Amino acid sequence: MTVSENLQRDAPEATRRFRVDCDLKYEVQSPAHFVFQVEAVESGQLVIDESLTTNPPVSVQRHTHGPSNNRLIRADVMPGLFELNYRATVELPPLAPQGAGLPESPVSGIPFDYIHLLSPTRYCESDLLASATKKMFSQYAPGWERVERIRQWIHDNIEYTVGSSTTTTTACDVFLQRAGVCRDFAHLGIAFCRALNIPARFVVGYIKFSEGAPDFHAVFEAWLGNRWVLFDATEMAPIDELIRVGTGRDAKDVPFAIFFGDARMLSMSPSVELVGVPIQSAPVIAPAPKPHLARPAYAV
């Protein structure tokens, strides 16, 4: 039994409540425009309370976009030290039952909103990895088992090494160099899935690691059984405790911060703690997709 199966099987049957605290500090040399994506999304999880403060105080604009309701914050910042702090209490429902038996969808049955998640992107060159992917994974049963084999292969063959990749590292780079960090593991999983005509997307959020410095965490989701299923090839933390911040095609869609101007990040300290199990509740299955209308320095 894999760690992933253990995490899914042993997931708590109760809703859990977490406390998030994220502090970002910058040195701004010239007037700059910042776009932050640090607030917990308000779909698939319940934001009980939250606050956003800046020092010095600045005027912020907010925007929610996409089928996953990613939340963006924009602000103009003048030269000097700048700090942003986000705090929230978030309730997570148990993961919906998942495991062997969840099927893949034929391409003709994939919702229009997710067809674009079959295509190669900046960091996930599924077209370049198609031949290798089919040789490695086409023999496995379609559905959850095949994606789990992908997740397990990445875990077993890619070394988690801080500093081994940069903001320009792609899935092909990771496949060749056999090393990366969480965003690289997620990009490779996405590329493998798309090469097999399985819609896949990038998810970033807060999670508590058993060791190492606090950081944002990236995983991938695959469209199986007509819903999204999370996979984490790093096995660094229980995937059912991820507080979702953003969902996109790859990391370029969901950086926690980008800025336009002359600025330098001094520190970051995203953290999350389990603070209670308030109620018993049934697993929540992601709602059916809804139609929707249709960014220089990446900090993820």
Protein backbone atom coordinates (compact mmCIF):
# COMPACT_ATOMS: atom_id res chain seq x y z
CA MET A 1 0.00 0.00 0.00
CA THR A 2 1.36 3.40 -0.93
CA VAL A 3 1.55 6.42 1.35
CA SER A 4 -1.04 8.10 -0.86
CA GLU A 5 -3.48 5.24 -0.28
CA ASN A 6 -2.85 5.43 3.46
CA LEU A 7 -3.51 9.17 3.52
CA GLN A 8 -6.75 8.76 1.60
CA ARG A 9 -7.95 5.76 3.58
CA ASP A 10 -7.12 7.22 6.98
CA ALA A 11 -8.55 10.69 6.27
CA PRO A 12 -10.63 11.96 9.19
CA GLU A 13 -14.40 11.55 8.89
CA ALA A 14 -15.03 14.92 10.51
CA THR A 15 -14.73 18.45 9.29
CA ARG A 16 -11.46 19.96 10.51
CA ARG A 17 -10.70 23.57 11.33
CA PHE A 18 -7.30 25.16 10.55
CA ARG A 19 -5.67 28.49 11.37
CA VAL A 20 -3.63 30.10 8.58
CA ASP A 21 -1.02 32.83 9.10
CA CYS A 22 0.96 34.17 6.15
CA ASP A 23 3.47 37.01 6.41
CA LEU A 24 5.32 38.42 3.38
CA LYS A 25 7.98 41.15 3.62
CA TYR A 26 9.49 43.17 0.77
CA GLU A 27 12.03 45.93 0.24
CA VAL A 28 10.59 48.22 -2.43
CA GLN A 29 13.11 50.45 -4.23
CA SER A 30 10.75 52.27 -6.59
CA PRO A 31 6.96 52.56 -6.91
CA ALA A 32 5.65 49.06 -7.64
CA HIS A 33 2.38 47.34 -8.37
CA PHE A 34 1.83 44.03 -6.54
CA VAL A 35 -0.62 41.22 -7.24
CA PHE A 36 -1.02 38.72 -4.38
CA GLN A 37 -2.79 35.38 -4.31
CA VAL A 38 -2.68 34.33 -0.65
CA GLU A 39 -6.32 34.20 0.42
CA ALA A 40 -8.03 30.83 0.85
CA VAL A 41 -10.60 30.17 -1.85
CA GLU A 42 -14.23 30.04 -0.82
CA SER A 43 -15.33 26.95 -2.73
CA GLY A 44 -14.73 23.38 -1.55
CA GLN A 45 -13.79 24.73 1.89
CA LEU A 46 -15.35 27.16 4.33
CA VAL A 47 -13.58 30.40 5.30
CA ILE A 48 -14.87 31.09 8.83
CA ASP A 49 -13.03 34.37 9.33
CA GLU A 50 -10.08 36.17 7.77
CA SER A 51 -8.13 39.41 7.85
CA LEU A 52 -5.63 41.11 5.59
CA THR A 53 -3.35 43.88 6.86
CA THR A 54 -0.43 45.75 5.32
CA ASN A 55 2.32 47.90 6.79
CA PRO A 56 2.30 50.63 5.75
CA PRO A 57 -1.43 50.61 4.99
CA VAL A 58 -2.27 50.63 1.27
CA SER A 59 -5.47 50.64 -0.72
CA VAL A 60 -6.21 47.17 -2.18
CA GLN A 61 -8.45 45.93 -4.96
CA ARG A 62 -9.91 42.43 -4.97
CA HIS A 63 -10.99 40.16 -7.81
CA THR A 64 -12.27 36.58 -7.93
CA HIS A 65 -11.88 34.68 -11.18
CA GLY A 66 -12.05 31.26 -12.83
CA PRO A 67 -14.11 28.16 -12.06
CA SER A 68 -12.07 27.62 -8.86
CA ASN A 69 -12.74 31.16 -7.59
CA ASN A 70 -9.08 32.17 -7.25
CA ARG A 71 -8.85 35.40 -5.25
CA LEU A 72 -6.46 38.17 -6.31
CA ILE A 73 -5.36 41.27 -4.39
CA ARG A 74 -3.79 44.28 -6.15
CA ALA A 75 -2.01 47.22 -4.55
CA ASP A 76 0.30 50.10 -5.44
CA VAL A 77 3.26 50.23 -3.04
CA MET A 78 5.65 53.12 -2.54
CA PRO A 79 9.41 52.72 -1.84
CA GLY A 80 10.40 51.40 1.58
CA LEU A 81 9.74 48.27 3.63
CA PHE A 82 6.39 46.63 2.92
CA GLU A 83 4.69 43.83 4.84
CA LEU A 84 1.50 41.92 4.12
CA ASN A 85 -0.17 39.62 6.64
CA TYR A 86 -3.08 37.28 5.95
CA ARG A 87 -4.83 35.35 8.70
CA ALA A 88 -7.79 33.03 8.35
CA THR A 89 -9.72 30.23 9.98
CA VAL A 90 -10.74 27.62 7.43
CA GLU A 91 -12.83 24.47 7.72
CA LEU A 92 -12.05 21.52 5.45
CA PRO A 93 -14.57 18.77 4.78
CA PRO A 94 -13.29 15.19 4.49
CA LEU A 95 -12.13 14.21 1.04
CA ALA A 96 -14.76 12.45 -1.01
CA PRO A 97 -14.08 8.69 -1.23
CA GLN A 98 -11.36 8.04 -3.78
CA GLY A 99 -9.28 5.16 -4.93
CA ALA A 100 -9.41 2.22 -7.29
CA GLY A 101 -12.47 2.25 -9.48
CA LEU A 102 -12.62 5.91 -10.42
CA PRO A 103 -12.64 5.90 -14.24
CA GLU A 104 -11.13 8.19 -16.82
CA SER A 105 -13.50 10.16 -19.01
CA PRO A 106 -13.45 9.74 -22.77
CA VAL A 107 -12.35 12.97 -24.42
CA SER A 108 -15.87 13.41 -25.80
CA GLY A 109 -17.23 13.38 -22.23
CA ILE A 110 -14.86 15.96 -20.74
CA PRO A 111 -16.70 19.21 -19.84
CA PHE A 112 -15.96 22.18 -22.09
CA ASP A 113 -14.48 24.07 -19.13
CA TYR A 114 -11.74 21.45 -18.80
CA ILE A 115 -10.83 20.64 -22.41
CA HIS A 116 -7.97 23.19 -22.25
CA LEU A 117 -6.46 21.13 -19.42
CA LEU A 118 -5.51 18.47 -21.97
CA SER A 119 -3.15 20.85 -23.77
CA PRO A 120 0.57 21.42 -23.12
CA THR A 121 1.46 24.61 -21.25
CA ARG A 122 4.57 26.64 -20.43
CA TYR A 123 5.68 24.31 -17.62
CA CYS A 124 3.91 21.09 -18.62
CA GLU A 125 5.07 20.01 -22.09
CA SER A 126 2.84 16.97 -22.39
CA ASP A 127 3.40 16.86 -26.16
CA LEU A 128 7.17 16.48 -25.74
CA LEU A 129 6.71 13.78 -23.09
CA ALA A 130 3.93 11.90 -24.91
CA SER A 131 6.04 9.07 -26.30
CA ALA A 132 7.82 8.35 -23.00
CA THR A 133 4.57 8.64 -21.06
CA LYS A 134 2.77 6.07 -23.17
CA LYS A 135 5.66 3.62 -22.87
CA MET A 136 5.76 4.03 -19.11
CA PHE A 137 2.06 4.07 -18.19
CA SER A 138 -0.21 2.88 -20.99
CA GLN A 139 -0.15 -0.71 -19.70
CA TYR A 140 -1.94 0.22 -16.49
CA ALA A 141 -5.70 0.17 -16.09
CA PRO A 142 -7.25 3.52 -17.09
CA GLY A 143 -8.48 5.67 -14.23
CA TRP A 144 -7.30 6.16 -10.68
CA GLU A 145 -4.85 3.26 -10.82
CA ARG A 146 -2.95 4.78 -13.75
CA VAL A 147 -2.73 8.24 -12.15
CA GLU A 148 -1.63 6.65 -8.89
CA ARG A 149 1.12 4.83 -10.81
CA ILE A 150 2.19 8.21 -12.19
CA ARG A 151 2.25 9.70 -8.71
CA GLN A 152 4.22 6.75 -7.34
CA TRP A 153 6.75 6.82 -10.20
CA ILE A 154 7.46 10.51 -9.61
CA HIS A 155 7.88 9.90 -5.88
CA ASP A 156 10.26 6.98 -6.48
CA ASN A 157 12.32 8.49 -9.29
CA ILE A 158 12.47 12.26 -8.71
CA GLU A 159 14.60 13.43 -5.78
CA TYR A 160 13.14 16.24 -3.72
CA THR A 161 16.07 18.69 -3.65
CA VAL A 162 15.72 22.31 -2.59
CA GLY A 163 17.59 24.56 -5.02
CA SER A 164 17.62 22.02 -7.85
CA SER A 165 15.18 24.01 -9.98
CA THR A 166 14.32 27.61 -10.81
CA THR A 167 11.25 29.55 -11.89
CA THR A 168 11.95 28.50 -15.49
CA THR A 169 12.28 24.75 -14.84
CA THR A 170 9.74 22.70 -16.78
CA ALA A 171 8.37 19.17 -16.58
CA CYS A 172 10.81 18.05 -19.30
CA ASP A 173 13.71 19.50 -17.30
CA VAL A 174 12.60 17.61 -14.19
CA PHE A 175 12.15 14.38 -16.14
CA LEU A 176 15.73 14.64 -17.40
CA GLN A 177 17.47 15.91 -14.26
CA ARG A 178 15.47 13.67 -11.89
CA ALA A 179 15.28 16.34 -9.18
CA GLY A 180 13.00 19.18 -8.17
CA VAL A 181 10.66 20.59 -5.53
CA CYS A 182 6.93 20.34 -5.05
CA ARG A 183 5.96 22.55 -7.99
CA ASP A 184 8.20 20.44 -10.25
CA PHE A 185 6.66 17.19 -8.99
CA ALA A 186 3.22 18.64 -9.73
CA HIS A 187 4.21 19.85 -13.20
CA LEU A 188 5.53 16.42 -14.15
CA GLY A 189 2.37 14.71 -12.89
CA ILE A 190 0.23 17.11 -14.90
CA ALA A 191 2.29 16.56 -18.06
CA PHE A 192 2.07 12.78 -17.76
CA CYS A 193 -1.68 12.91 -17.24
CA ARG A 194 -2.32 15.24 -20.17
CA ALA A 195 -0.18 13.05 -22.43
CA LEU A 196 -2.68 10.25 -21.65
CA ASN A 197 -5.71 12.51 -22.33
CA ILE A 198 -6.49 12.93 -18.64
CA PRO A 199 -7.30 16.56 -17.72
CA ALA A 200 -4.94 17.71 -14.98
CA ARG A 201 -4.30 21.00 -13.20
CA PHE A 202 -1.98 22.67 -10.69
CA VAL A 203 -3.10 23.35 -7.12
CA VAL A 204 -1.25 25.51 -4.58
CA GLY A 205 -2.09 26.13 -0.94
CA TYR A 206 -1.13 26.04 2.71
CA ILE A 207 -0.19 22.79 4.43
CA LYS A 208 1.72 21.81 7.58
CA PHE A 209 4.96 19.96 6.89
CA SER A 210 6.42 17.55 9.44
CA GLU A 211 9.87 19.05 8.82
CA GLY A 212 11.51 21.84 6.87
CA ALA A 213 10.83 25.55 6.60
CA PRO A 214 7.24 26.77 6.12
CA ASP A 215 6.33 27.26 2.50
CA PHE A 216 3.44 27.10 0.10
CA HIS A 217 2.79 23.62 -1.28
CA ALA A 218 1.93 22.49 -4.81
CA VAL A 219 0.14 19.31 -5.86
CA PHE A 220 -1.83 18.21 -8.92
CA GLU A 221 -5.41 17.21 -9.60
CA ALA A 222 -6.71 14.77 -12.20
CA TRP A 223 -10.23 14.60 -13.61
CA LEU A 224 -11.49 11.12 -12.66
CA GLY A 225 -14.99 9.84 -12.10
CA ASN A 226 -16.39 13.19 -13.24
CA ARG A 227 -14.69 15.09 -10.42
CA TRP A 228 -11.28 16.37 -9.41
CA VAL A 229 -8.98 14.12 -7.36
CA LEU A 230 -5.85 15.41 -5.60
CA PHE A 231 -2.45 13.69 -5.87
CA ASP A 232 0.82 14.60 -4.11
CA ALA A 233 3.96 12.88 -5.38
CA THR A 234 6.12 14.42 -2.63
CA GLU A 235 4.28 12.58 0.18
CA MET A 236 5.40 15.41 2.47
CA ALA A 237 2.07 15.97 4.25
CA PRO A 238 -1.50 14.60 4.39
CA ILE A 239 -3.13 15.79 1.19
CA ASP A 240 -6.54 16.11 2.84
CA GLU A 241 -5.13 18.96 4.97
CA LEU A 242 -4.29 21.26 2.07
CA ILE A 243 -5.89 24.71 2.37
CA ARG A 244 -6.45 25.65 -1.27
CA VAL A 245 -5.30 29.10 -2.41
CA GLY A 246 -5.23 28.76 -6.18
CA THR A 247 -5.86 26.40 -9.08
CA GLY A 248 -4.54 26.80 -12.62
CA ARG A 249 -3.02 25.23 -15.71
CA ASP A 250 0.46 25.39 -14.15
CA ALA A 251 2.44 27.53 -11.71
CA LYS A 252 2.34 30.64 -13.87
CA ASP A 253 -1.42 30.88 -13.23
CA VAL A 254 -1.15 30.87 -9.44
CA PRO A 255 1.96 32.65 -8.11
CA PHE A 256 1.46 33.81 -4.53
CA ALA A 257 2.93 37.18 -5.53
CA ILE A 258 4.05 39.02 -8.61
CA PHE A 259 5.21 42.61 -8.83
CA PHE A 260 5.86 45.18 -11.48
CA GLY A 261 8.65 47.51 -10.42
CA ASP A 262 11.86 47.36 -8.40
CA ALA A 263 11.33 45.24 -5.28
CA ARG A 264 12.94 42.37 -3.41
CA MET A 265 11.33 39.80 -1.12
CA LEU A 266 12.98 39.74 2.31
CA SER A 267 11.05 36.90 3.92
CA MET A 268 7.97 34.71 3.75
CA SER A 269 6.37 32.61 6.47
CA PRO A 270 3.16 30.83 5.45
CA SER A 271 1.95 28.53 8.23
CA VAL A 272 -1.12 26.48 9.09
CA GLU A 273 -2.19 24.69 12.27
CA LEU A 274 -5.04 22.32 13.06
CA VAL A 275 -7.13 24.01 15.73
CA GLY A 276 -10.15 21.75 16.09
CA VAL A 277 -12.63 19.22 14.80
CA PRO A 278 -15.90 21.11 15.28
CA ILE A 279 -18.52 18.81 13.78
CA GLN A 280 -19.11 15.47 12.12
CA SER A 281 -20.04 15.68 8.48
CA ALA A 282 -20.38 13.58 5.37
CA PRO A 283 -17.78 13.69 2.60
CA VAL A 284 -18.29 16.49 0.12
CA ILE A 285 -18.07 15.78 -3.59
CA ALA A 286 -16.97 18.62 -5.83
CA PRO A 287 -19.93 20.26 -7.55
CA ALA A 288 -20.54 19.82 -11.26
CA PRO A 289 -18.56 22.30 -13.37
CA LYS A 290 -20.26 25.56 -14.30
CA PRO A 291 -19.62 27.59 -17.43
CA HIS A 292 -17.51 30.69 -16.90
CA LEU A 293 -16.25 33.63 -18.91
CA ALA A 294 -13.25 33.71 -20.15
CA ARG A 295 0.70 37.39 -15.56
CA PRO A 296 6.96 38.81 -15.12
CA ALA A 297 8.44 37.55 -11.75
CA TYR A 298 6.82 34.37 -10.45
CA ALA A 299 7.06 33.76 -6.74
CA VAL A 300 5.62 30.25 -6.50
